[in-house]
Amino acid sequence: PVGFQDRMKVILSINLACGYGVERCVTTATSLFNKYKNGEITELPAELKTTIFNTVLSVTPVTDEVKENWEFLWEKFLNSQQATEKVVIYYALGLIRDEETLLRFARDCLDETKVRQGDALYILGTSIPRTKIGREVSWRFMKENWASMTEESTENLFGFDVYVSGVLEDFSDEATLAEIREFFSDKMDTLGSGAAAYDGACSPLWGTSPGWRNIGPAWRCMLTGSWVLNGEK
């Protein structure tokens, strides 16, 4: 029998292979997903579900099929009664490289008929900002909705921390740094519990934590559980 550690190594290897776009891995994951979507199988291997969902929604360019896969998983999310399954799905939903879909996803997070208020900040902070386009969408969404969100969400202490740090932490260019500074220059009092997250998220931008950004993407994936596609974080 295969031991736990050996099994985890296999799962991690599959995750990395699909994340870096290895054709055989992507093809197998896509085939399994299509059988699941079409009802040929009723369930996916639990330990590979994250990798399969992430793979099919990370495909570029974003075709109609990718959008259909997103809609399928979105419906699964809305109808699921299992908290763990919903987490796996919402992490994957943020990986689609389509601005319109991501903006819709962000807006729907604020609709309590679709997403529990307690989950909204976690999705906005940990799912959508996981790719370059997702970070850009998330930053724009944060700026446009800051006033209404801070009125409703600052009491959710940990969730607001997660949201602020998740949106801001992976920007690294000086132009965005200047924009972040300018935006928050007169809003520090509205950060509430997010103030510490703001400082922590921006510290790499300030240049105080350069070492983390020098770690290779594969190591960052293993250390943080981040999804990497063709080397992108």
Protein backbone atom coordinates (compact mmCIF):
# COMPACT_ATOMS: atom_id res chain seq x y z
CA PRO A 1 0.00 0.00 0.00
CA VAL A 2 1.11 3.55 -0.74
CA GLY A 3 1.99 5.52 2.39
CA PHE A 4 0.54 8.93 3.20
CA GLN A 5 3.72 10.83 2.40
CA ASP A 6 4.15 9.08 -0.94
CA ARG A 7 0.53 9.81 -1.80
CA MET A 8 0.98 13.49 -0.95
CA LYS A 9 4.07 13.64 -3.16
CA VAL A 10 2.06 12.23 -6.06
CA ILE A 11 -0.76 14.74 -5.50
CA LEU A 12 1.70 17.65 -5.29
CA SER A 13 3.47 16.46 -8.45
CA ILE A 14 0.16 16.32 -10.33
CA ASN A 15 -0.78 19.76 -9.03
CA LEU A 16 2.51 21.25 -10.21
CA ALA A 17 2.39 19.47 -13.56
CA CYS A 18 -1.10 20.75 -14.35
CA GLY A 19 -0.22 24.18 -12.97
CA TYR A 20 2.71 24.45 -15.35
CA GLY A 21 0.59 23.31 -18.27
CA VAL A 22 2.07 19.84 -18.86
CA GLU A 23 -0.09 18.61 -21.73
CA ARG A 24 -0.78 15.08 -20.50
CA CYS A 25 -1.81 16.36 -17.06
CA VAL A 26 -4.04 19.10 -18.46
CA THR A 27 -5.66 16.71 -20.95
CA THR A 28 -6.41 14.12 -18.25
CA ALA A 29 -7.81 16.73 -15.85
CA THR A 30 -9.99 18.21 -18.60
CA SER A 31 -11.28 14.78 -19.62
CA LEU A 32 -12.27 13.94 -16.04
CA PHE A 33 -13.97 17.30 -15.63
CA ASN A 34 -15.98 16.88 -18.83
CA LYS A 35 -17.20 13.46 -17.68
CA TYR A 36 -18.21 15.03 -14.36
CA LYS A 37 -19.97 17.95 -16.05
CA ASN A 38 -21.79 15.67 -18.49
CA GLY A 39 -22.95 13.28 -15.77
CA GLU A 40 -20.84 10.32 -16.91
CA ILE A 41 -19.35 10.20 -13.43
CA THR A 42 -21.01 11.51 -10.28
CA GLU A 43 -17.90 12.44 -8.32
CA LEU A 44 -14.24 13.31 -8.81
CA PRO A 45 -11.36 11.94 -6.71
CA ALA A 46 -11.47 14.12 -3.60
CA GLU A 47 -7.70 14.65 -3.44
CA LEU A 48 -7.58 15.76 -7.09
CA LYS A 49 -10.74 17.88 -7.24
CA THR A 50 -8.86 21.12 -6.53
CA THR A 51 -6.31 20.43 -9.25
CA ILE A 52 -8.99 19.48 -11.79
CA PHE A 53 -11.15 22.54 -11.14
CA ASN A 54 -8.13 24.86 -11.15
CA THR A 55 -6.87 23.38 -14.41
CA VAL A 56 -10.05 23.75 -16.44
CA LEU A 57 -10.64 27.33 -15.33
CA SER A 58 -7.04 28.43 -15.84
CA VAL A 59 -7.04 27.65 -19.56
CA THR A 60 -6.10 30.51 -21.88
CA PRO A 61 -7.29 31.93 -24.14
CA VAL A 62 -10.69 32.01 -22.46
CA THR A 63 -13.03 30.26 -24.87
CA ASP A 64 -16.78 29.74 -24.66
CA GLU A 65 -16.04 26.29 -23.26
CA VAL A 66 -14.00 27.76 -20.40
CA LYS A 67 -16.85 30.17 -19.65
CA GLU A 68 -19.32 27.27 -19.71
CA ASN A 69 -17.12 25.39 -17.25
CA TRP A 70 -17.10 28.45 -15.02
CA GLU A 71 -20.90 28.68 -15.13
CA PHE A 72 -21.17 24.99 -14.29
CA LEU A 73 -18.98 25.38 -11.21
CA TRP A 74 -20.71 28.60 -10.19
CA GLU A 75 -24.02 26.73 -10.15
CA LYS A 76 -22.35 23.97 -8.15
CA PHE A 77 -21.17 26.57 -5.65
CA LEU A 78 -24.62 28.14 -5.32
CA ASN A 79 -26.32 24.78 -4.77
CA SER A 80 -23.71 23.03 -2.63
CA GLN A 81 -24.48 22.47 1.05
CA GLN A 82 -20.94 21.35 1.87
CA ALA A 83 -18.65 24.07 3.20
CA THR A 84 -15.45 22.30 2.15
CA GLU A 85 -16.71 21.81 -1.40
CA LYS A 86 -17.72 25.46 -1.66
CA VAL A 87 -14.20 26.52 -0.66
CA VAL A 88 -12.62 24.31 -3.32
CA ILE A 89 -14.98 25.73 -5.94
CA TYR A 90 -14.63 29.39 -5.07
CA TYR A 91 -10.85 29.19 -5.13
CA ALA A 92 -11.06 27.80 -8.65
CA LEU A 93 -13.65 30.33 -9.86
CA GLY A 94 -11.19 33.17 -9.34
CA LEU A 95 -8.69 31.66 -11.76
CA ILE A 96 -10.54 32.40 -14.98
CA ARG A 97 -8.64 34.98 -17.07
CA ASP A 98 -11.74 36.91 -18.10
CA GLU A 99 -12.30 40.40 -16.75
CA GLU A 100 -16.05 40.49 -17.26
CA THR A 101 -16.56 37.17 -15.48
CA LEU A 102 -14.32 38.18 -12.57
CA LEU A 103 -16.14 41.50 -12.14
CA ARG A 104 -19.46 39.69 -12.11
CA PHE A 105 -18.06 37.23 -9.57
CA ALA A 106 -16.91 40.10 -7.35
CA ARG A 107 -20.30 41.82 -7.54
CA ASP A 108 -22.12 38.58 -6.79
CA CYS A 109 -19.99 38.17 -3.67
CA LEU A 110 -21.78 41.21 -2.24
CA ASP A 111 -25.19 39.69 -2.98
CA GLU A 112 -26.24 37.89 0.21
CA THR A 113 -28.78 35.82 -1.73
CA LYS A 114 -25.84 34.16 -3.51
CA VAL A 115 -22.88 34.33 -1.13
CA ARG A 116 -22.99 34.31 2.66
CA GLN A 117 -21.76 37.60 4.09
CA GLY A 118 -19.22 35.68 6.15
CA ASP A 119 -17.72 34.16 2.98
CA ALA A 120 -17.72 37.24 0.75
CA LEU A 121 -14.53 38.88 2.04
CA TYR A 122 -12.62 35.60 1.92
CA ILE A 123 -13.58 35.06 -1.72
CA LEU A 124 -12.75 38.65 -2.65
CA GLY A 125 -9.41 38.43 -0.86
CA THR A 126 -8.23 34.90 -1.61
CA SER A 127 -9.88 33.75 -4.84
CA ILE A 128 -10.14 36.57 -7.35
CA PRO A 129 -6.69 38.18 -6.77
CA ARG A 130 -4.78 34.96 -7.54
CA THR A 131 -3.79 35.94 -11.08
CA LYS A 132 -2.47 39.13 -12.68
CA ILE A 133 -5.80 40.02 -14.26
CA GLY A 134 -7.57 39.04 -11.05
CA ARG A 135 -5.40 41.38 -8.99
CA GLU A 136 -6.14 44.24 -11.38
CA VAL A 137 -9.89 43.54 -11.27
CA SER A 138 -9.79 43.22 -7.47
CA TRP A 139 -7.92 46.49 -7.00
CA ARG A 140 -10.35 48.35 -9.26
CA PHE A 141 -13.32 46.74 -7.51
CA MET A 142 -11.91 47.68 -4.10
CA LYS A 143 -11.53 51.32 -5.13
CA GLU A 144 -15.02 51.52 -6.62
CA ASN A 145 -16.74 49.83 -3.67
CA TRP A 146 -14.58 50.90 -0.72
CA ALA A 147 -17.12 53.22 0.89
CA SER A 148 -20.00 50.75 0.94
CA MET A 149 -17.81 47.79 1.92
CA THR A 150 -16.16 49.54 4.86
CA GLU A 151 -19.55 50.54 6.21
CA GLU A 152 -20.65 46.90 6.30
CA SER A 153 -17.51 44.81 6.72
CA THR A 154 -15.03 46.33 9.18
CA GLU A 155 -16.64 44.48 12.08
CA ASN A 156 -15.64 41.21 10.42
CA LEU A 157 -12.13 41.63 11.77
CA PHE A 158 -10.29 38.65 10.32
CA GLY A 159 -12.24 38.67 7.07
CA PHE A 160 -11.42 42.31 6.42
CA ASP A 161 -7.74 41.62 7.10
CA VAL A 162 -7.82 38.80 4.57
CA TYR A 163 -9.52 40.99 1.98
CA VAL A 164 -7.13 43.93 2.26
CA SER A 165 -3.96 41.86 2.31
CA GLY A 166 -5.19 39.53 -0.44
CA VAL A 167 -5.89 42.33 -2.89
CA LEU A 168 -2.74 44.35 -2.21
CA GLU A 169 0.03 41.91 -1.35
CA ASP A 170 1.22 40.79 -4.79
CA PHE A 171 1.56 44.12 -6.57
CA SER A 172 5.19 44.99 -7.18
CA ASP A 173 5.36 47.92 -9.59
CA GLU A 174 6.06 51.49 -8.53
CA ALA A 175 3.06 52.91 -10.40
CA THR A 176 0.62 50.73 -8.47
CA LEU A 177 2.46 51.47 -5.22
CA ALA A 178 1.96 55.19 -5.81
CA GLU A 179 -1.70 54.59 -6.64
CA ILE A 180 -2.23 52.57 -3.46
CA ARG A 181 -0.57 55.26 -1.36
CA GLU A 182 -2.66 57.96 -2.98
CA PHE A 183 -5.93 56.06 -2.62
CA PHE A 184 -5.45 55.32 1.08
CA SER A 185 -3.88 58.66 1.99
CA ASP A 186 -7.22 60.00 3.26
CA LYS A 187 -8.84 56.67 4.12
CA MET A 188 -6.61 55.22 6.83
CA ASP A 189 -9.31 55.80 9.42
CA THR A 190 -11.70 53.61 7.39
CA LEU A 191 -9.36 50.62 7.35
CA GLY A 192 -10.34 49.57 10.85
CA SER A 193 -9.01 46.07 11.46
CA GLY A 194 -7.52 46.13 7.97
CA ALA A 195 -4.84 48.67 8.93
CA ALA A 196 -2.35 46.02 10.02
CA ALA A 197 -3.13 43.99 6.91
CA TYR A 198 -2.52 47.07 4.78
CA ASP A 199 0.91 47.60 6.34
CA GLY A 200 1.80 43.93 6.07
CA ALA A 201 0.58 43.56 2.51
CA CYS A 202 2.42 46.63 1.33
CA SER A 203 5.71 45.94 3.12
CA PRO A 204 7.17 44.03 0.13
CA LEU A 205 6.25 47.02 -2.03
CA TRP A 206 8.04 49.29 0.41
CA GLY A 207 11.10 47.13 -0.21
CA THR A 208 11.36 45.69 3.30
CA SER A 209 10.77 42.08 2.30
CA PRO A 210 12.57 41.46 -1.00
CA GLY A 211 13.59 37.91 -0.13
CA TRP A 212 10.10 36.48 -0.50
CA ARG A 213 9.78 37.79 -4.03
CA ASN A 214 13.06 36.12 -4.99
CA ILE A 215 11.76 32.66 -4.16
CA GLY A 216 11.00 30.64 -7.28
CA PRO A 217 7.35 30.06 -8.22
CA ALA A 218 7.49 26.31 -7.59
CA TRP A 219 8.71 26.85 -4.03
CA ARG A 220 6.11 29.55 -3.48
CA CYS A 221 3.45 27.12 -4.68
CA MET A 222 4.59 24.46 -2.22
CA LEU A 223 4.93 26.88 0.69
CA THR A 224 1.65 28.71 0.24
CA GLY A 225 -0.60 26.37 -1.75
CA SER A 226 -0.78 29.00 -4.49
CA TRP A 227 -1.88 27.91 -7.95
CA VAL A 228 0.75 28.46 -10.64
CA LEU A 229 -0.01 28.30 -14.34
CA ASN A 230 2.95 28.37 -16.71
CA GLY A 231 4.97 30.10 -14.00
CA GLU A 232 2.47 32.90 -13.38
CA LYS A 233 1.49 33.85 -9.86
